[in-house]
């Protein structure tokens, strides 16, 4: 058996939603929703144009079912479809609740850092589960593991059609539109980091694009990945209609 036959591979295009009103106000969003700002809508539109200009073909699209990600995808879809030629298929999304941001319980709608005191009472930051129905980061990683495993089973299993052969030059991507915290967990999981993201796992800007080449060991169901492009956001040009102050994503609290 060749080494290549032991692995399945897939290319992922990860996109974080556009800026929201809660981002600007620095409120915890979690699984509550907040409208996209003018800048956030511009970011999504620019991302769709950018993707249409790249030699990237998408065979499937998965979107968090929260409102801010659906709105982001709708704007990406509009500008993408308006910019491509007829040789590419329109983007048709599948909504998946496993791609939601971390649930932050009673702290949703409150300022960043509101959960600090309660979190300090927990012996491990990753085990901290906010009161009022919140999730720990371990809970989020379990959602990510379920999603990625099913993604490979669906597209690379016995009936799968889209998993690239190691030597296949016609690379097809799965687009995933989600949230800052969730996407960091997803990248860490695909890198085989069992303890979640570390300081080397990049924070994604609003509207940014990350491209990953992910491999699964078919026998151990373990994952490794290489970053093709990380947190690309230079395609987002200034919005001439922007009236909202620029959001600085490097202050990301893991709760949006």
Protein backbone atom coordinates (compact mmCIF):
# COMPACT_ATOMS: atom_id res chain seq x y z
CA UNK A 1 0.00 0.00 0.00
CA UNK A 2 1.43 3.37 -1.01
CA UNK A 3 1.79 6.14 1.53
CA UNK A 4 -0.53 8.37 -0.50
CA UNK A 5 -3.34 5.82 -0.34
CA UNK A 6 -3.39 6.17 3.44
CA UNK A 7 -4.48 9.79 3.24
CA UNK A 8 -7.46 11.76 2.04
CA UNK A 9 -7.07 15.44 1.37
CA UNK A 10 -9.26 18.49 1.02
CA UNK A 11 -8.77 22.20 0.49
CA UNK A 12 -10.71 24.58 2.75
CA UNK A 13 -11.45 28.27 2.22
CA UNK A 14 -12.26 29.82 5.60
CA UNK A 15 -13.99 33.22 5.76
CA UNK A 16 -14.86 35.23 8.83
CA UNK A 17 -18.08 37.25 8.80
CA UNK A 18 -18.02 41.00 8.18
CA UNK A 19 -17.80 43.56 10.96
CA UNK A 20 -20.92 43.88 13.13
CA UNK A 21 -22.35 46.58 15.36
CA UNK A 22 -21.41 44.46 18.40
CA UNK A 23 -17.80 44.24 17.17
CA UNK A 24 -17.61 48.02 17.08
CA UNK A 25 -19.23 48.34 20.52
CA UNK A 26 -16.99 45.56 21.88
CA UNK A 27 -19.87 43.50 23.15
CA UNK A 28 -19.81 39.71 23.43
CA UNK A 29 -21.92 38.22 20.62
CA UNK A 30 -21.60 34.46 20.97
CA UNK A 31 -24.73 32.92 19.47
CA UNK A 32 -26.76 36.13 19.77
CA UNK A 33 -26.81 38.26 16.66
CA UNK A 34 -25.83 41.74 15.59
CA UNK A 35 -26.28 43.48 12.24
CA UNK A 36 -23.39 44.00 9.86
CA UNK A 37 -22.09 47.57 9.74
CA UNK A 38 -21.62 49.45 6.48
CA UNK A 39 -17.98 48.40 6.65
CA UNK A 40 -18.96 44.79 7.33
CA UNK A 41 -21.17 44.69 4.23
CA UNK A 42 -18.36 46.23 2.19
CA UNK A 43 -15.89 43.61 3.49
CA UNK A 44 -18.17 40.77 2.43
CA UNK A 45 -18.75 42.25 -1.02
CA UNK A 46 -15.02 42.78 -1.57
CA UNK A 47 -14.33 39.19 -0.50
CA UNK A 48 -16.75 37.85 -3.11
CA UNK A 49 -15.03 39.89 -5.83
CA UNK A 50 -11.61 38.70 -4.65
CA UNK A 51 -12.63 35.02 -4.72
CA UNK A 52 -14.08 35.38 -8.22
CA UNK A 53 -10.71 36.71 -9.41
CA UNK A 54 -8.78 33.77 -7.98
CA UNK A 55 -8.31 30.42 -9.80
CA UNK A 56 -10.41 28.75 -7.11
CA UNK A 57 -13.43 26.55 -7.79
CA UNK A 58 -15.85 25.65 -5.01
CA UNK A 59 -17.67 22.34 -4.97
CA UNK A 60 -19.54 23.01 -1.73
CA UNK A 61 -20.25 25.81 0.73
CA UNK A 62 -21.05 25.58 4.44
CA UNK A 63 -22.27 28.56 6.46
CA UNK A 64 -23.01 29.09 10.15
CA UNK A 65 -26.75 29.49 10.56
CA UNK A 66 -26.42 32.72 12.57
CA UNK A 67 -27.66 35.90 10.92
CA UNK A 68 -24.33 37.72 10.61
CA UNK A 69 -22.71 34.84 8.73
CA UNK A 70 -25.72 34.30 6.48
CA UNK A 71 -25.75 38.01 5.59
CA UNK A 72 -22.01 37.89 4.93
CA UNK A 73 -22.39 34.89 2.65
CA UNK A 74 -25.32 36.43 0.76
CA UNK A 75 -23.17 39.48 -0.05
CA UNK A 76 -20.21 37.27 -1.01
CA UNK A 77 -22.49 35.26 -3.26
CA UNK A 78 -23.92 38.33 -4.99
CA UNK A 79 -20.56 39.90 -5.80
CA UNK A 80 -18.98 36.52 -6.66
CA UNK A 81 -21.75 35.55 -9.08
CA UNK A 82 -21.69 39.02 -10.65
CA UNK A 83 -17.94 38.75 -11.24
CA UNK A 84 -17.50 35.20 -12.59
CA UNK A 85 -17.95 33.81 -16.06
CA UNK A 86 -20.49 31.11 -16.87
CA UNK A 87 -17.88 28.35 -16.54
CA UNK A 88 -18.22 28.42 -12.75
CA UNK A 89 -21.23 27.19 -10.84
CA UNK A 90 -23.16 29.52 -8.51
CA UNK A 91 -22.47 29.14 -4.82
CA UNK A 92 -25.19 27.17 -3.02
CA UNK A 93 -24.82 27.16 0.78
CA UNK A 94 -25.62 24.53 3.37
CA UNK A 95 -26.38 25.97 6.81
CA UNK A 96 -24.80 24.12 9.72
CA UNK A 97 -25.31 25.02 13.42
CA UNK A 98 -22.01 23.33 14.29
CA UNK A 99 -20.30 26.35 12.70
CA UNK A 100 -21.84 28.79 15.20
CA UNK A 101 -19.66 30.88 17.49
CA UNK A 102 -19.13 29.74 21.07
CA UNK A 103 -22.23 30.19 23.23
CA UNK A 104 -21.40 32.64 26.03
CA UNK A 105 -24.48 32.29 28.23
CA UNK A 106 -25.39 35.28 30.38
CA UNK A 107 -22.43 37.28 29.03
CA UNK A 108 -23.80 37.70 25.53
CA UNK A 109 -24.61 41.34 24.92
CA UNK A 110 -22.25 42.46 27.68
CA UNK A 111 -18.83 44.15 27.28
CA UNK A 112 -15.76 42.10 26.44
CA UNK A 113 -14.10 40.77 29.58
CA UNK A 114 -17.34 40.53 31.58
CA UNK A 115 -16.77 36.83 32.27
CA UNK A 116 -13.21 37.29 33.55
CA UNK A 117 -14.04 36.88 37.25
CA UNK A 118 -16.09 33.71 36.74
CA UNK A 119 -13.49 32.31 34.33
CA UNK A 120 -10.72 32.76 36.91
CA UNK A 121 -12.57 30.36 39.22
CA UNK A 122 -12.09 27.54 36.70
CA UNK A 123 -8.87 25.51 36.82
CA UNK A 124 -8.52 25.54 33.02
CA UNK A 125 -9.49 28.33 30.57
CA UNK A 126 -10.53 25.77 27.98
CA UNK A 127 -12.87 24.05 30.44
CA UNK A 128 -14.62 27.26 31.52
CA UNK A 129 -18.31 27.10 30.63
CA UNK A 130 -20.07 30.48 31.13
CA UNK A 131 -23.17 30.34 33.30
CA UNK A 132 -26.54 30.57 31.60
CA UNK A 133 -26.05 27.89 28.98
CA UNK A 134 -22.57 28.77 27.74
CA UNK A 135 -20.06 26.43 26.12
CA UNK A 136 -16.45 25.71 26.96
CA UNK A 137 -13.83 25.84 24.21
CA UNK A 138 -13.64 22.06 24.55
CA UNK A 139 -17.34 21.92 23.64
CA UNK A 140 -16.61 24.06 20.57
CA UNK A 141 -13.74 21.81 19.53
CA UNK A 142 -16.06 18.81 19.74
CA UNK A 143 -18.45 20.56 17.33
CA UNK A 144 -15.53 21.28 15.02
CA UNK A 145 -14.33 17.66 15.16
CA UNK A 146 -17.82 16.41 14.30
CA UNK A 147 -18.11 18.81 11.37
CA UNK A 148 -14.67 18.15 9.85
CA UNK A 149 -14.96 14.38 10.25
CA UNK A 150 -18.37 14.36 8.59
CA UNK A 151 -17.06 16.65 5.85
CA UNK A 152 -14.35 14.13 4.97
CA UNK A 153 -16.72 11.17 5.30
CA UNK A 154 -19.18 12.85 2.93
CA UNK A 155 -16.78 14.07 0.29
CA UNK A 156 -13.93 11.57 0.57
CA UNK A 157 -15.64 8.35 1.64
CA UNK A 158 -16.71 5.47 -0.60
CA UNK A 159 -19.39 7.64 -2.19
CA UNK A 160 -17.40 10.86 -2.11
CA UNK A 161 -16.77 12.70 -5.36
CA UNK A 162 -14.68 15.70 -4.46
CA UNK A 163 -11.70 14.66 -2.37
CA UNK A 164 -8.57 15.53 -4.32
CA UNK A 165 -6.10 12.84 -5.25
CA UNK A 166 -2.59 13.70 -4.10
CA UNK A 167 -1.51 14.25 -7.71
CA UNK A 168 -4.68 16.02 -8.85
CA UNK A 169 -3.88 19.55 -10.08
CA UNK A 170 -7.54 20.56 -10.45
CA UNK A 171 -7.95 21.70 -6.87
CA UNK A 172 -11.46 22.25 -5.59
CA UNK A 173 -12.27 24.03 -2.36
CA UNK A 174 -14.89 23.79 0.34
CA UNK A 175 -15.93 27.29 1.48
CA UNK A 176 -16.73 27.75 5.17
CA UNK A 177 -18.19 31.06 6.40
CA UNK A 178 -18.09 31.28 10.17
CA UNK A 179 -16.82 33.19 13.21
CA UNK A 180 -13.48 34.25 14.68
CA UNK A 181 -13.41 31.90 17.66
CA UNK A 182 -14.86 28.92 15.79
CA UNK A 183 -12.43 29.30 12.90
CA UNK A 184 -9.42 29.42 15.24
CA UNK A 185 -10.62 26.16 16.79
CA UNK A 186 -11.10 24.67 13.31
CA UNK A 187 -7.59 25.63 12.20
CA UNK A 188 -6.10 24.24 15.42
CA UNK A 189 -8.04 20.97 15.04
CA UNK A 190 -6.88 20.54 11.44
CA UNK A 191 -3.31 21.17 12.60
CA UNK A 192 -3.65 18.32 15.10
CA UNK A 193 -3.54 20.60 18.17
CA UNK A 194 -5.51 18.64 20.74
CA UNK A 195 -5.32 21.48 23.26
CA UNK A 196 -6.83 24.06 20.94
CA UNK A 197 -5.31 27.23 19.43
CA UNK A 198 -2.04 28.66 20.67
CA UNK A 199 -0.21 31.93 20.06
CA UNK A 200 0.75 30.71 16.58
CA UNK A 201 -2.87 30.24 15.50
CA UNK A 202 -3.76 33.47 13.70
CA UNK A 203 -6.68 35.71 14.58
CA UNK A 204 -8.81 36.33 11.49
CA UNK A 205 -9.86 39.82 10.47
CA UNK A 206 -13.47 40.48 9.47
CA UNK A 207 -13.91 39.39 5.86
CA UNK A 208 -10.48 37.72 5.79
CA UNK A 209 -9.73 34.56 3.78
CA UNK A 210 -7.62 31.62 4.97
CA UNK A 211 -6.81 28.70 2.68
CA UNK A 212 -5.89 25.33 4.17
CA UNK A 213 -4.72 22.06 2.66
CA UNK A 214 -5.97 19.39 5.08
CA UNK A 215 -5.05 15.70 5.14
CA UNK A 216 -6.77 12.92 7.05
CA UNK A 217 -5.10 9.66 7.98
CA UNK A 218 -7.84 7.24 6.95
CA UNK A 219 -6.87 4.61 9.49
CA UNK A 220 -6.40 6.78 12.58
CA UNK A 221 -8.87 9.55 11.68
CA UNK A 222 -6.25 12.16 12.56
CA UNK A 223 -5.70 15.41 10.72
CA UNK A 224 -2.77 17.55 9.62
CA UNK A 225 -2.79 20.71 7.54
CA UNK A 226 -0.66 23.25 5.72
CA UNK A 227 -1.62 26.90 5.45
CA UNK A 228 -1.68 28.09 1.84
CA UNK A 229 -2.86 31.56 2.77
CA UNK A 230 -3.52 32.92 6.24
CA UNK A 231 -5.82 35.79 7.23
CA UNK A 232 -5.67 37.48 3.82
CA UNK A 233 -7.54 40.80 3.97
CA UNK A 234 -5.56 43.17 1.76
CA UNK A 235 -8.23 42.69 -0.93
CA UNK A 236 -10.62 44.81 1.15
CA UNK A 237 -10.31 48.33 -0.23
CA UNK A 238 -11.44 51.41 1.73
CA UNK A 239 -15.19 51.92 1.63
CA UNK A 240 -16.00 55.41 0.35
CA UNK A 241 -19.35 55.29 2.19
CA UNK A 242 -17.88 54.08 5.47
CA UNK A 243 -19.15 55.95 8.50
CA UNK A 244 -18.23 53.37 11.15
CA UNK A 245 -14.92 53.55 12.98
CA UNK A 246 -12.50 50.85 11.93
CA UNK A 247 -12.60 47.75 14.13
CA UNK A 248 -9.22 46.43 15.31
CA UNK A 249 -9.55 42.62 15.20
CA UNK A 250 -6.27 41.95 17.02
CA UNK A 251 -8.12 42.87 20.20
CA UNK A 252 -10.36 39.82 19.60
CA UNK A 253 -11.59 38.32 22.86
CA UNK A 254 -12.65 34.91 21.58
CA UNK A 255 -16.29 35.76 22.24
CA UNK A 256 -17.55 37.18 19.00
